[in-house]
């Protein structure tokens, strides 16, 4: 089966299942180690961009609580509405992240967890290049990507009556794409999930000489 506009599937899926997604993934506790690690790497009052921020929980919420200035972007109107309610001190933008532009060196860190995998692969590459320019020298990029190549749809995602679409390449290709942006990969890990899993990358923009 083919879909003319997979982004609309993603948008609607998260609009319909925003609450169910948080419940199914344990929003209050997920990513705890990664967020804590990021906070230890940031100076006080850092500017952080969360690409695919969802409901703002837990990434934006925890970063704001730690004193950082967070901008979140998500394609789902419902997710953004909830993020504004749950994290009132964050700034949230309802938009397709691939269409955004920020001035160069705007952020001390950029986070994108389980979001790139919902974007067309050519647009993933373009966005990664943008992210590299948005980071300040020394800035961190924390992301998850696909571990194995796959594109497809779940017609009844989370048993919630809405579809969801994914498209991702394999971890080695994702690593190559990140390196091609000029970022340095500091750490890579496999994150199990069900019968498969995802790749986790900690990358950094090199300090200027």
N, C-alpha and C. Protein backbone atom coordinates (compact mmCIF):
# COMPACT_ATOMS: atom_id res chain seq x y z
N UNK A 1 0.85 -1.20 0.00
CA UNK A 1 0.00 0.00 0.00
C UNK A 1 0.88 1.24 0.00
N UNK A 2 0.51 2.26 -0.78
CA UNK A 2 1.27 3.50 -0.84
C UNK A 2 0.43 4.65 -0.27
N UNK A 3 1.12 5.66 0.20
CA UNK A 3 0.45 6.81 0.81
C UNK A 3 1.02 8.07 0.17
N UNK A 4 0.10 8.95 -0.28
CA UNK A 4 0.53 10.14 -0.97
C UNK A 4 1.17 11.15 -0.04
N UNK A 5 0.70 11.23 1.20
CA UNK A 5 1.21 12.24 2.12
C UNK A 5 1.46 11.62 3.49
N UNK A 6 2.59 10.97 3.65
CA UNK A 6 2.87 10.31 4.94
C UNK A 6 2.91 11.29 6.11
N UNK A 7 3.27 12.54 5.86
CA UNK A 7 3.31 13.50 6.97
C UNK A 7 1.93 13.72 7.57
N UNK A 8 0.90 13.63 6.73
CA UNK A 8 -0.46 13.77 7.25
C UNK A 8 -0.83 12.57 8.13
N UNK A 9 -0.31 11.40 7.80
CA UNK A 9 -0.54 10.22 8.64
C UNK A 9 0.10 10.44 10.00
N UNK A 10 1.33 10.94 10.00
CA UNK A 10 2.05 11.19 11.26
C UNK A 10 1.32 12.26 12.07
N UNK A 11 0.94 13.35 11.43
CA UNK A 11 0.25 14.44 12.13
C UNK A 11 -1.04 13.93 12.77
N UNK A 12 -1.84 13.24 11.98
CA UNK A 12 -3.12 12.77 12.51
C UNK A 12 -2.91 11.72 13.60
N UNK A 13 -1.94 10.83 13.40
CA UNK A 13 -1.70 9.80 14.39
C UNK A 13 -1.40 10.38 15.76
N UNK A 14 -0.54 11.39 15.79
CA UNK A 14 -0.20 12.00 17.08
C UNK A 14 -1.31 12.91 17.59
N UNK A 15 -2.08 13.51 16.70
CA UNK A 15 -3.24 14.28 17.15
C UNK A 15 -4.23 13.38 17.88
N UNK A 16 -4.49 12.21 17.31
CA UNK A 16 -5.48 11.30 17.87
C UNK A 16 -4.95 10.59 19.12
N UNK A 17 -3.68 10.24 19.12
CA UNK A 17 -3.16 9.35 20.16
C UNK A 17 -2.12 10.01 21.07
N UNK A 18 -2.17 11.31 21.19
CA UNK A 18 -1.20 12.02 22.03
C UNK A 18 -1.18 11.47 23.46
N UNK A 19 -2.32 11.41 24.10
CA UNK A 19 -2.39 10.90 25.48
C UNK A 19 -2.01 9.43 25.54
N UNK A 20 -2.52 8.64 24.62
CA UNK A 20 -2.23 7.21 24.63
C UNK A 20 -0.74 6.96 24.45
N UNK A 21 -0.08 7.75 23.60
CA UNK A 21 1.35 7.58 23.38
C UNK A 21 2.13 7.82 24.67
N UNK A 22 1.79 8.89 25.39
CA UNK A 22 2.48 9.16 26.65
C UNK A 22 2.26 8.04 27.66
N UNK A 23 1.04 7.54 27.72
CA UNK A 23 0.75 6.45 28.65
C UNK A 23 1.50 5.17 28.27
N UNK A 24 1.53 4.88 26.97
CA UNK A 24 2.17 3.64 26.50
C UNK A 24 3.68 3.65 26.66
N UNK A 25 4.27 4.84 26.59
CA UNK A 25 5.73 4.93 26.63
C UNK A 25 6.26 5.38 27.99
N UNK A 26 5.38 5.59 28.96
CA UNK A 26 5.84 6.00 30.29
C UNK A 26 6.49 7.36 30.26
N UNK A 27 5.74 8.37 29.85
CA UNK A 27 6.30 9.70 29.59
C UNK A 27 7.04 10.29 30.78
N UNK A 28 6.58 10.02 31.99
CA UNK A 28 7.22 10.65 33.15
C UNK A 28 8.63 10.16 33.41
N UNK A 29 8.94 8.96 32.94
CA UNK A 29 10.25 8.38 33.26
C UNK A 29 11.12 8.07 32.05
N UNK A 30 10.55 8.10 30.84
CA UNK A 30 11.34 7.70 29.67
C UNK A 30 12.49 8.69 29.42
N UNK A 31 13.56 8.19 28.87
CA UNK A 31 14.74 8.99 28.51
C UNK A 31 15.45 9.59 29.72
N UNK A 32 15.12 9.16 30.93
CA UNK A 32 15.66 9.82 32.13
C UNK A 32 17.19 9.91 32.09
N UNK A 33 17.85 8.81 31.78
CA UNK A 33 19.32 8.82 31.79
C UNK A 33 19.86 9.78 30.74
N UNK A 34 19.25 9.78 29.55
CA UNK A 34 19.73 10.65 28.49
C UNK A 34 19.56 12.12 28.86
N UNK A 35 18.42 12.46 29.42
CA UNK A 35 18.17 13.85 29.80
C UNK A 35 19.15 14.28 30.89
N UNK A 36 19.33 13.43 31.89
CA UNK A 36 20.27 13.76 32.96
C UNK A 36 21.67 13.96 32.40
N UNK A 37 22.08 13.09 31.47
CA UNK A 37 23.40 13.23 30.87
C UNK A 37 23.52 14.54 30.11
N UNK A 38 22.46 14.91 29.38
CA UNK A 38 22.51 16.16 28.63
C UNK A 38 22.63 17.34 29.57
N UNK A 39 21.88 17.33 30.65
CA UNK A 39 21.91 18.44 31.59
C UNK A 39 23.31 18.63 32.16
N UNK A 40 24.03 17.53 32.41
CA UNK A 40 25.38 17.65 32.96
C UNK A 40 26.35 18.26 31.95
N UNK A 41 26.00 18.19 30.66
CA UNK A 41 26.89 18.71 29.61
C UNK A 41 26.61 20.17 29.27
N UNK A 42 25.53 20.72 29.81
CA UNK A 42 25.13 22.08 29.45
C UNK A 42 25.50 23.09 30.52
N UNK A 43 25.84 24.27 30.09
CA UNK A 43 26.02 25.37 31.03
C UNK A 43 24.66 25.94 31.40
N UNK A 44 24.59 26.64 32.50
CA UNK A 44 23.33 27.19 32.97
C UNK A 44 22.68 28.11 31.94
N UNK A 45 21.37 28.00 31.82
CA UNK A 45 20.63 28.87 30.91
C UNK A 45 20.89 28.61 29.44
N UNK A 46 21.25 27.39 29.10
CA UNK A 46 21.52 27.06 27.69
C UNK A 46 20.23 27.08 26.88
N UNK A 47 20.38 27.35 25.59
CA UNK A 47 19.26 27.30 24.65
C UNK A 47 19.24 25.92 24.00
N UNK A 48 18.08 25.27 24.06
CA UNK A 48 17.95 23.91 23.56
C UNK A 48 16.75 23.84 22.62
N UNK A 49 16.93 23.17 21.49
CA UNK A 49 15.85 22.92 20.55
C UNK A 49 15.46 21.45 20.64
N UNK A 50 14.16 21.18 20.80
CA UNK A 50 13.66 19.82 20.83
C UNK A 50 12.84 19.58 19.57
N UNK A 51 13.40 18.82 18.64
CA UNK A 51 12.76 18.54 17.35
C UNK A 51 11.88 17.30 17.49
N UNK A 52 10.57 17.49 17.35
CA UNK A 52 9.63 16.41 17.62
C UNK A 52 9.38 16.32 19.11
N UNK A 53 9.00 17.46 19.70
CA UNK A 53 8.94 17.58 21.16
C UNK A 53 7.75 16.87 21.77
N UNK A 54 6.76 16.48 20.95
CA UNK A 54 5.59 15.83 21.49
C UNK A 54 4.87 16.70 22.50
N UNK A 55 4.44 16.11 23.61
CA UNK A 55 3.70 16.83 24.64
C UNK A 55 4.60 17.66 25.55
N UNK A 56 5.90 17.68 25.26
CA UNK A 56 6.83 18.43 26.11
C UNK A 56 7.34 17.65 27.29
N UNK A 57 6.80 16.44 27.48
CA UNK A 57 7.19 15.59 28.59
C UNK A 57 7.84 14.31 28.03
N UNK A 58 9.04 14.02 28.52
CA UNK A 58 9.73 14.66 29.63
C UNK A 58 10.82 15.66 29.23
N UNK A 59 11.23 15.70 27.95
CA UNK A 59 12.46 16.41 27.60
C UNK A 59 12.37 17.89 27.92
N UNK A 60 11.40 18.58 27.33
CA UNK A 60 11.30 20.02 27.55
C UNK A 60 11.05 20.33 29.02
N UNK A 61 10.17 19.55 29.64
CA UNK A 61 9.85 19.80 31.06
C UNK A 61 11.08 19.73 31.94
N UNK A 62 11.89 18.68 31.75
CA UNK A 62 13.06 18.51 32.62
C UNK A 62 14.14 19.55 32.33
N UNK A 63 14.31 19.90 31.06
CA UNK A 63 15.31 20.91 30.72
C UNK A 63 14.91 22.29 31.26
N UNK A 64 13.64 22.63 31.14
CA UNK A 64 13.16 23.91 31.69
C UNK A 64 13.33 23.92 33.21
N UNK A 65 12.99 22.81 33.86
CA UNK A 65 13.14 22.73 35.31
C UNK A 65 14.58 22.91 35.74
N UNK A 66 15.52 22.53 34.86
CA UNK A 66 16.95 22.67 35.16
C UNK A 66 17.47 24.06 34.81
N UNK A 67 16.58 24.95 34.35
CA UNK A 67 16.97 26.34 34.11
C UNK A 67 17.35 26.66 32.69
N UNK A 68 17.06 25.76 31.75
CA UNK A 68 17.42 26.00 30.36
C UNK A 68 16.24 26.57 29.57
N UNK A 69 16.55 27.22 28.47
CA UNK A 69 15.53 27.84 27.61
C UNK A 69 15.26 26.89 26.45
N UNK A 70 14.05 26.39 26.39
CA UNK A 70 13.72 25.32 25.44
C UNK A 70 12.73 25.80 24.40
N UNK A 71 13.04 25.50 23.16
CA UNK A 71 12.11 25.67 22.04
C UNK A 71 11.77 24.28 21.52
N UNK A 72 10.48 23.96 21.48
CA UNK A 72 10.05 22.67 20.97
C UNK A 72 9.26 22.84 19.69
N UNK A 73 9.41 21.91 18.79
CA UNK A 73 8.65 21.94 17.53
C UNK A 73 8.05 20.56 17.29
N UNK A 74 6.80 20.55 16.86
CA UNK A 74 6.14 19.28 16.56
C UNK A 74 5.09 19.51 15.49
N UNK A 75 4.89 18.50 14.65
CA UNK A 75 3.94 18.60 13.54
C UNK A 75 2.49 18.47 14.01
N UNK A 76 2.30 17.92 15.22
CA UNK A 76 0.96 17.67 15.75
C UNK A 76 0.45 18.86 16.54
N UNK A 77 -0.70 19.37 16.14
CA UNK A 77 -1.31 20.50 16.85
C UNK A 77 -1.69 20.10 18.28
N UNK A 78 -2.18 18.89 18.45
CA UNK A 78 -2.58 18.43 19.79
C UNK A 78 -1.36 18.31 20.70
N UNK A 79 -0.28 17.75 20.18
CA UNK A 79 0.93 17.64 20.98
C UNK A 79 1.43 19.02 21.42
N UNK A 80 1.42 19.97 20.52
CA UNK A 80 1.89 21.32 20.88
C UNK A 80 0.96 21.97 21.89
N UNK A 81 -0.34 21.79 21.73
CA UNK A 81 -1.28 22.37 22.70
C UNK A 81 -1.03 21.79 24.09
N UNK A 82 -0.80 20.49 24.16
CA UNK A 82 -0.52 19.87 25.45
C UNK A 82 0.82 20.34 26.01
N UNK A 83 1.83 20.49 25.12
CA UNK A 83 3.14 20.95 25.59
C UNK A 83 3.04 22.34 26.22
N UNK A 84 2.25 23.21 25.60
CA UNK A 84 2.10 24.55 26.16
C UNK A 84 1.42 24.53 27.52
N UNK A 85 0.54 23.55 27.72
CA UNK A 85 -0.13 23.41 29.01
C UNK A 85 0.79 22.77 30.05
N UNK A 86 1.53 21.75 29.65
CA UNK A 86 2.35 20.99 30.58
C UNK A 86 3.68 21.67 30.90
N UNK A 87 4.19 22.47 29.96
CA UNK A 87 5.48 23.15 30.15
C UNK A 87 5.29 24.63 29.80
N UNK A 88 4.60 25.38 30.64
CA UNK A 88 4.25 26.76 30.29
C UNK A 88 5.45 27.68 30.10
N UNK A 89 6.60 27.32 30.63
CA UNK A 89 7.79 28.17 30.47
C UNK A 89 8.61 27.83 29.24
N UNK A 90 8.17 26.84 28.46
CA UNK A 90 8.84 26.54 27.20
C UNK A 90 8.21 27.32 26.06
N UNK A 91 8.90 27.36 24.94
CA UNK A 91 8.36 27.96 23.71
C UNK A 91 8.11 26.83 22.73
N UNK A 92 6.89 26.76 22.18
CA UNK A 92 6.52 25.64 21.33
C UNK A 92 5.94 26.11 20.00
N UNK A 93 6.38 25.44 18.94
CA UNK A 93 6.01 25.82 17.58
C UNK A 93 5.34 24.63 16.91
N UNK A 94 4.13 24.83 16.39
CA UNK A 94 3.43 23.79 15.64
C UNK A 94 3.82 23.91 14.18
N UNK A 95 4.72 23.02 13.73
CA UNK A 95 5.23 23.12 12.36
C UNK A 95 5.91 21.82 11.97
N UNK A 96 6.06 21.64 10.69
CA UNK A 96 6.89 20.58 10.13
C UNK A 96 8.34 21.00 10.32
N UNK A 97 9.08 20.27 11.12
CA UNK A 97 10.45 20.68 11.47
C UNK A 97 11.33 20.86 10.24
N UNK A 98 11.05 20.13 9.17
CA UNK A 98 11.90 20.22 7.98
C UNK A 98 11.74 21.56 7.27
N UNK A 99 10.69 22.31 7.59
CA UNK A 99 10.46 23.61 6.94
C UNK A 99 11.00 24.77 7.76
N UNK A 100 11.48 24.51 8.96
CA UNK A 100 11.93 25.58 9.84
C UNK A 100 13.31 26.07 9.45
N UNK A 101 13.58 27.29 9.87
CA UNK A 101 14.94 27.81 9.73
C UNK A 101 15.22 28.69 10.94
N UNK A 102 16.41 28.56 11.46
CA UNK A 102 16.88 29.38 12.57
C UNK A 102 18.21 29.99 12.17
N UNK A 103 18.58 31.10 12.78
CA UNK A 103 19.91 31.66 12.50
C UNK A 103 21.01 30.67 12.89
N UNK A 104 22.12 30.75 12.20
CA UNK A 104 23.26 29.89 12.52
C UNK A 104 23.67 30.08 13.97
N UNK A 105 24.09 28.99 14.60
CA UNK A 105 24.62 28.99 15.96
C UNK A 105 23.61 29.53 16.97
N UNK A 106 22.35 29.09 16.83
CA UNK A 106 21.29 29.55 17.72
C UNK A 106 21.18 28.74 19.01
N UNK A 107 21.67 27.49 19.01
CA UNK A 107 21.37 26.60 20.12
C UNK A 107 22.64 25.95 20.68
N UNK A 108 22.61 25.74 22.00
CA UNK A 108 23.70 25.05 22.68
C UNK A 108 23.54 23.54 22.60
N UNK A 109 22.30 23.09 22.36
CA UNK A 109 22.04 21.66 22.19
C UNK A 109 20.75 21.49 21.40
N UNK A 110 20.67 20.40 20.67
CA UNK A 110 19.47 20.04 19.92
C UNK A 110 19.18 18.58 20.22
N UNK A 111 17.92 18.29 20.51
CA UNK A 111 17.47 16.94 20.83
C UNK A 111 16.42 16.53 19.81
N UNK A 112 16.50 15.29 19.32
CA UNK A 112 15.45 14.75 18.45
C UNK A 112 15.32 13.26 18.72
N UNK A 113 14.34 12.91 19.54
CA UNK A 113 14.15 11.53 19.97
C UNK A 113 12.90 10.95 19.31
N UNK A 114 13.10 9.89 18.54
CA UNK A 114 12.00 9.17 17.88
C UNK A 114 11.16 10.08 16.99
N UNK A 115 11.82 11.03 16.33
CA UNK A 115 11.13 11.96 15.45
C UNK A 115 11.64 11.89 14.02
N UNK A 116 12.95 11.80 13.83
CA UNK A 116 13.50 11.70 12.48
C UNK A 116 12.92 10.52 11.73
N UNK A 117 12.60 9.46 12.45
CA UNK A 117 12.09 8.23 11.83
C UNK A 117 10.69 8.41 11.24
N UNK A 118 10.05 9.53 11.51
CA UNK A 118 8.73 9.82 10.94
C UNK A 118 8.83 10.77 9.74
N UNK A 119 10.03 11.02 9.26
CA UNK A 119 10.23 11.97 8.16
C UNK A 119 10.75 11.24 6.92
N UNK A 120 10.41 11.72 5.71
CA UNK A 120 11.00 11.14 4.50
C UNK A 120 12.52 11.19 4.58
N UNK A 121 13.17 10.17 4.07
CA UNK A 121 14.61 10.05 4.30
C UNK A 121 15.43 11.17 3.68
N UNK A 122 15.04 11.66 2.50
CA UNK A 122 15.79 12.77 1.93
C UNK A 122 15.65 14.02 2.78
N UNK A 123 14.50 14.18 3.42
CA UNK A 123 14.29 15.34 4.29
C UNK A 123 15.02 15.17 5.62
N UNK A 124 15.20 13.92 6.05
CA UNK A 124 16.04 13.68 7.23
C UNK A 124 17.45 14.20 7.00
N UNK A 125 18.00 13.89 5.84
CA UNK A 125 19.36 14.34 5.52
C UNK A 125 19.45 15.86 5.50
N UNK A 126 18.48 16.50 4.86
CA UNK A 126 18.49 17.96 4.79
C UNK A 126 18.39 18.57 6.19
N UNK A 127 17.52 18.00 7.02
CA UNK A 127 17.34 18.53 8.37
C UNK A 127 18.61 18.35 9.20
N UNK A 128 19.28 17.23 9.04
CA UNK A 128 20.53 17.03 9.78
C UNK A 128 21.56 18.10 9.44
N UNK A 129 21.62 18.49 8.17
CA UNK A 129 22.55 19.56 7.79
C UNK A 129 22.15 20.88 8.42
N UNK A 130 20.84 21.16 8.47
CA UNK A 130 20.38 22.38 9.14
C UNK A 130 20.75 22.36 10.62
N UNK A 131 20.49 21.22 11.26
CA UNK A 131 20.78 21.11 12.69
C UNK A 131 22.25 21.42 12.98
N UNK A 132 23.13 20.92 12.13
CA UNK A 132 24.56 21.18 12.34
C UNK A 132 24.87 22.67 12.30
N UNK A 133 24.17 23.41 11.44
CA UNK A 133 24.43 24.86 11.37
C UNK A 133 23.77 25.60 12.53
N UNK A 134 22.66 25.06 13.04
CA UNK A 134 21.97 25.74 14.15
C UNK A 134 22.73 25.61 15.46
N UNK A 135 23.61 24.61 15.56
CA UNK A 135 24.37 24.40 16.79
C UNK A 135 25.52 25.39 16.91
N UNK A 136 25.75 25.84 18.11
CA UNK A 136 26.94 26.65 18.37
C UNK A 136 28.15 25.73 18.46
N UNK A 137 29.36 26.25 18.19
CA UNK A 137 30.55 25.41 18.35
C UNK A 137 30.58 24.79 19.74
N UNK A 138 30.82 23.50 19.79
CA UNK A 138 30.80 22.79 21.06
C UNK A 138 29.43 22.27 21.45
N UNK A 139 28.40 22.63 20.68
CA UNK A 139 27.04 22.24 21.01
C UNK A 139 26.78 20.77 20.76
N UNK A 140 25.84 20.21 21.51
CA UNK A 140 25.52 18.79 21.46
C UNK A 140 24.27 18.52 20.64
N UNK A 141 24.28 17.39 19.91
CA UNK A 141 23.11 16.90 19.21
C UNK A 141 22.85 15.48 19.69
N UNK A 142 21.72 15.29 20.35
CA UNK A 142 21.31 13.98 20.86
C UNK A 142 20.13 13.51 20.03
N UNK A 143 20.25 12.35 19.39
CA UNK A 143 19.15 11.89 18.54
C UNK A 143 19.05 10.37 18.53
N UNK A 144 17.85 9.90 18.19
CA UNK A 144 17.65 8.50 17.87
C UNK A 144 17.28 8.40 16.41
N UNK A 145 17.73 7.31 15.79
CA UNK A 145 17.44 7.04 14.38
C UNK A 145 17.05 5.57 14.24
N UNK A 146 16.80 5.14 13.03
CA UNK A 146 16.56 3.74 12.79
C UNK A 146 17.84 2.92 12.97
N UNK A 147 17.67 1.69 13.40
CA UNK A 147 18.79 0.75 13.48
C UNK A 147 18.87 -0.10 12.22
N UNK A 148 17.71 -0.49 11.71
CA UNK A 148 17.62 -1.25 10.46
C UNK A 148 16.71 -0.50 9.50
N UNK A 149 16.98 -0.61 8.21
CA UNK A 149 16.19 0.10 7.21
C UNK A 149 14.77 -0.47 7.14
N UNK A 150 13.80 0.43 7.14
CA UNK A 150 12.40 0.00 7.05
C UNK A 150 11.51 1.20 6.78
N UNK A 151 10.52 1.02 5.94
CA UNK A 151 9.48 2.01 5.71
C UNK A 151 8.14 1.29 5.73
N UNK A 152 7.18 1.82 6.48
CA UNK A 152 5.89 1.15 6.54
C UNK A 152 4.90 1.87 7.42
N UNK A 153 3.71 1.28 7.50
CA UNK A 153 2.59 1.87 8.24
C UNK A 153 2.01 0.83 9.18
N UNK A 154 1.66 1.27 10.37
CA UNK A 154 0.84 0.49 11.30
C UNK A 154 -0.57 1.07 11.22
N UNK A 155 -1.51 0.29 10.71
CA UNK A 155 -2.87 0.79 10.47
C UNK A 155 -3.66 1.04 11.75
N UNK A 156 -3.23 0.40 12.86
CA UNK A 156 -3.93 0.58 14.14
C UNK A 156 -2.88 0.75 15.23
N UNK A 157 -2.19 1.86 15.16
CA UNK A 157 -1.05 2.13 16.04
C UNK A 157 -1.51 2.19 17.49
N UNK A 158 -0.81 1.49 18.35
CA UNK A 158 -1.11 1.44 19.78
C UNK A 158 -2.54 0.98 20.06
N UNK A 159 -3.12 0.26 19.09
CA UNK A 159 -4.51 -0.19 19.21
C UNK A 159 -5.46 0.98 19.46
N UNK A 160 -5.10 2.12 18.87
CA UNK A 160 -5.87 3.33 19.15
C UNK A 160 -6.73 3.84 18.02
N UNK A 161 -6.83 3.09 16.93
CA UNK A 161 -7.72 3.48 15.86
C UNK A 161 -7.16 4.51 14.90
N UNK A 162 -5.87 4.76 14.94
CA UNK A 162 -5.23 5.70 14.01
C UNK A 162 -3.98 5.04 13.43
N UNK A 163 -3.59 5.46 12.24
CA UNK A 163 -2.40 4.92 11.58
C UNK A 163 -1.16 5.72 11.96
N UNK A 164 0.00 5.08 11.77
CA UNK A 164 1.28 5.78 11.95
C UNK A 164 2.24 5.29 10.87
N UNK A 165 3.11 6.21 10.43
CA UNK A 165 4.05 5.94 9.33
C UNK A 165 5.47 6.18 9.81
N UNK A 166 6.38 5.31 9.36
CA UNK A 166 7.81 5.45 9.65
C UNK A 166 8.62 5.26 8.38
N UNK A 167 9.79 5.86 8.34
CA UNK A 167 10.74 5.58 7.26
C UNK A 167 12.14 5.85 7.77
N UNK A 168 12.95 4.80 7.83
CA UNK A 168 14.32 5.02 8.30
C UNK A 168 15.28 4.06 7.62
N UNK A 169 16.50 4.51 7.53
CA UNK A 169 17.57 3.68 7.00
C UNK A 169 18.30 3.01 8.16
N UNK A 170 19.41 2.36 7.87
CA UNK A 170 20.12 1.61 8.90
C UNK A 170 21.08 2.51 9.68
N UNK A 171 21.57 1.99 10.79
CA UNK A 171 22.42 2.78 11.69
C UNK A 171 23.70 3.26 11.02
N UNK A 172 24.32 2.42 10.20
CA UNK A 172 25.56 2.83 9.55
C UNK A 172 25.33 4.01 8.61
N UNK A 173 24.22 3.97 7.88
CA UNK A 173 23.91 5.09 6.99
C UNK A 173 23.61 6.35 7.80
N UNK A 174 22.86 6.21 8.89
CA UNK A 174 22.60 7.37 9.73
C UNK A 174 23.88 7.97 10.29
N UNK A 175 24.81 7.10 10.66
CA UNK A 175 26.10 7.58 11.16
C UNK A 175 26.82 8.37 10.08
N UNK A 176 26.80 7.86 8.86
CA UNK A 176 27.44 8.56 7.75
C UNK A 176 26.78 9.91 7.51
N UNK A 177 25.46 9.95 7.54
CA UNK A 177 24.75 11.22 7.32
C UNK A 177 25.14 12.25 8.37
N UNK A 178 25.24 11.82 9.63
CA UNK A 178 25.61 12.77 10.70
C UNK A 178 27.04 13.27 10.50
N UNK A 179 27.95 12.38 10.21
CA UNK A 179 29.35 12.77 10.00
C UNK A 179 29.47 13.73 8.82
N UNK A 180 28.67 13.50 7.77
CA UNK A 180 28.74 14.37 6.59
C UNK A 180 28.32 15.81 6.88
N UNK A 181 27.60 16.03 7.97
CA UNK A 181 27.21 17.40 8.34
C UNK A 181 28.36 18.17 8.98
N UNK A 182 29.41 17.46 9.35
CA UNK A 182 30.52 18.10 10.04
C UNK A 182 30.52 17.88 11.54
N UNK A 183 29.48 17.20 12.05
CA UNK A 183 29.44 16.89 13.48
C UNK A 183 30.35 15.70 13.78
N UNK A 184 30.83 15.64 15.01
CA UNK A 184 31.65 14.54 15.47
C UNK A 184 30.81 13.64 16.37
N UNK A 185 30.76 12.36 16.06
CA UNK A 185 29.99 11.42 16.88
C UNK A 185 30.85 11.00 18.07
N UNK A 186 30.34 11.29 19.26
CA UNK A 186 31.07 10.97 20.49
C UNK A 186 30.67 9.60 21.04
N UNK A 187 29.43 9.18 20.75
CA UNK A 187 28.96 7.90 21.30
C UNK A 187 27.79 7.40 20.46
N UNK A 188 27.74 6.09 20.26
CA UNK A 188 26.64 5.44 19.54
C UNK A 188 26.23 4.20 20.32
N UNK A 189 24.91 3.96 20.40
CA UNK A 189 24.42 2.80 21.14
C UNK A 189 23.18 2.25 20.46
N UNK A 190 22.91 0.98 20.73
CA UNK A 190 21.68 0.34 20.27
C UNK A 190 20.68 0.35 21.41
N UNK A 191 19.46 0.82 21.13
CA UNK A 191 18.41 0.90 22.14
C UNK A 191 17.33 -0.12 21.78
N UNK A 192 17.26 -1.23 22.51
CA UNK A 192 16.29 -2.28 22.16
C UNK A 192 14.85 -1.79 22.32
N UNK A 193 13.97 -2.30 21.47
CA UNK A 193 12.54 -2.04 21.60
C UNK A 193 11.80 -3.20 20.92
N UNK A 194 11.06 -3.96 21.71
CA UNK A 194 10.36 -5.11 21.15
C UNK A 194 11.34 -6.08 20.50
N UNK A 195 11.03 -6.46 19.28
CA UNK A 195 11.91 -7.38 18.55
C UNK A 195 13.00 -6.65 17.77
N UNK A 196 13.02 -5.32 17.85
CA UNK A 196 14.02 -4.52 17.14
C UNK A 196 14.62 -3.47 18.05
N UNK A 197 14.76 -2.28 17.51
CA UNK A 197 15.31 -1.20 18.31
C UNK A 197 15.74 -0.03 17.45
N UNK A 198 16.41 0.93 18.08
CA UNK A 198 16.83 2.15 17.41
C UNK A 198 18.30 2.42 17.72
N UNK A 199 18.88 3.32 16.97
CA UNK A 199 20.25 3.77 17.22
C UNK A 199 20.21 5.11 17.95
N UNK A 200 21.07 5.25 18.94
CA UNK A 200 21.21 6.48 19.70
C UNK A 200 22.57 7.10 19.39
N UNK A 201 22.57 8.38 19.08
CA UNK A 201 23.82 9.08 18.77
C UNK A 201 23.97 10.32 19.65
N UNK A 202 25.14 10.44 20.24
CA UNK A 202 25.57 11.70 20.86
C UNK A 202 26.61 12.31 19.91
N UNK A 203 26.29 13.46 19.35
CA UNK A 203 27.20 14.12 18.41
C UNK A 203 27.48 15.53 18.90
N UNK A 204 28.55 16.10 18.39
CA UNK A 204 28.94 17.43 18.84
C UNK A 204 29.52 18.24 17.68
N UNK A 205 29.20 19.51 17.66
CA UNK A 205 29.83 20.40 16.68
C UNK A 205 31.21 20.77 17.20
N UNK A 206 32.24 20.58 16.40
CA UNK A 206 33.59 20.87 16.88
C UNK A 206 33.75 22.32 17.32
N UNK A 207 34.58 22.52 18.34
CA UNK A 207 34.91 23.86 18.77
C UNK A 207 35.72 24.55 17.68
N UNK A 208 35.51 25.83 17.54
CA UNK A 208 36.29 26.58 16.56
C UNK A 208 37.74 26.71 17.03
N UNK A 209 38.64 26.67 16.07
CA UNK A 209 40.06 26.77 16.41
C UNK A 209 40.38 28.16 16.93
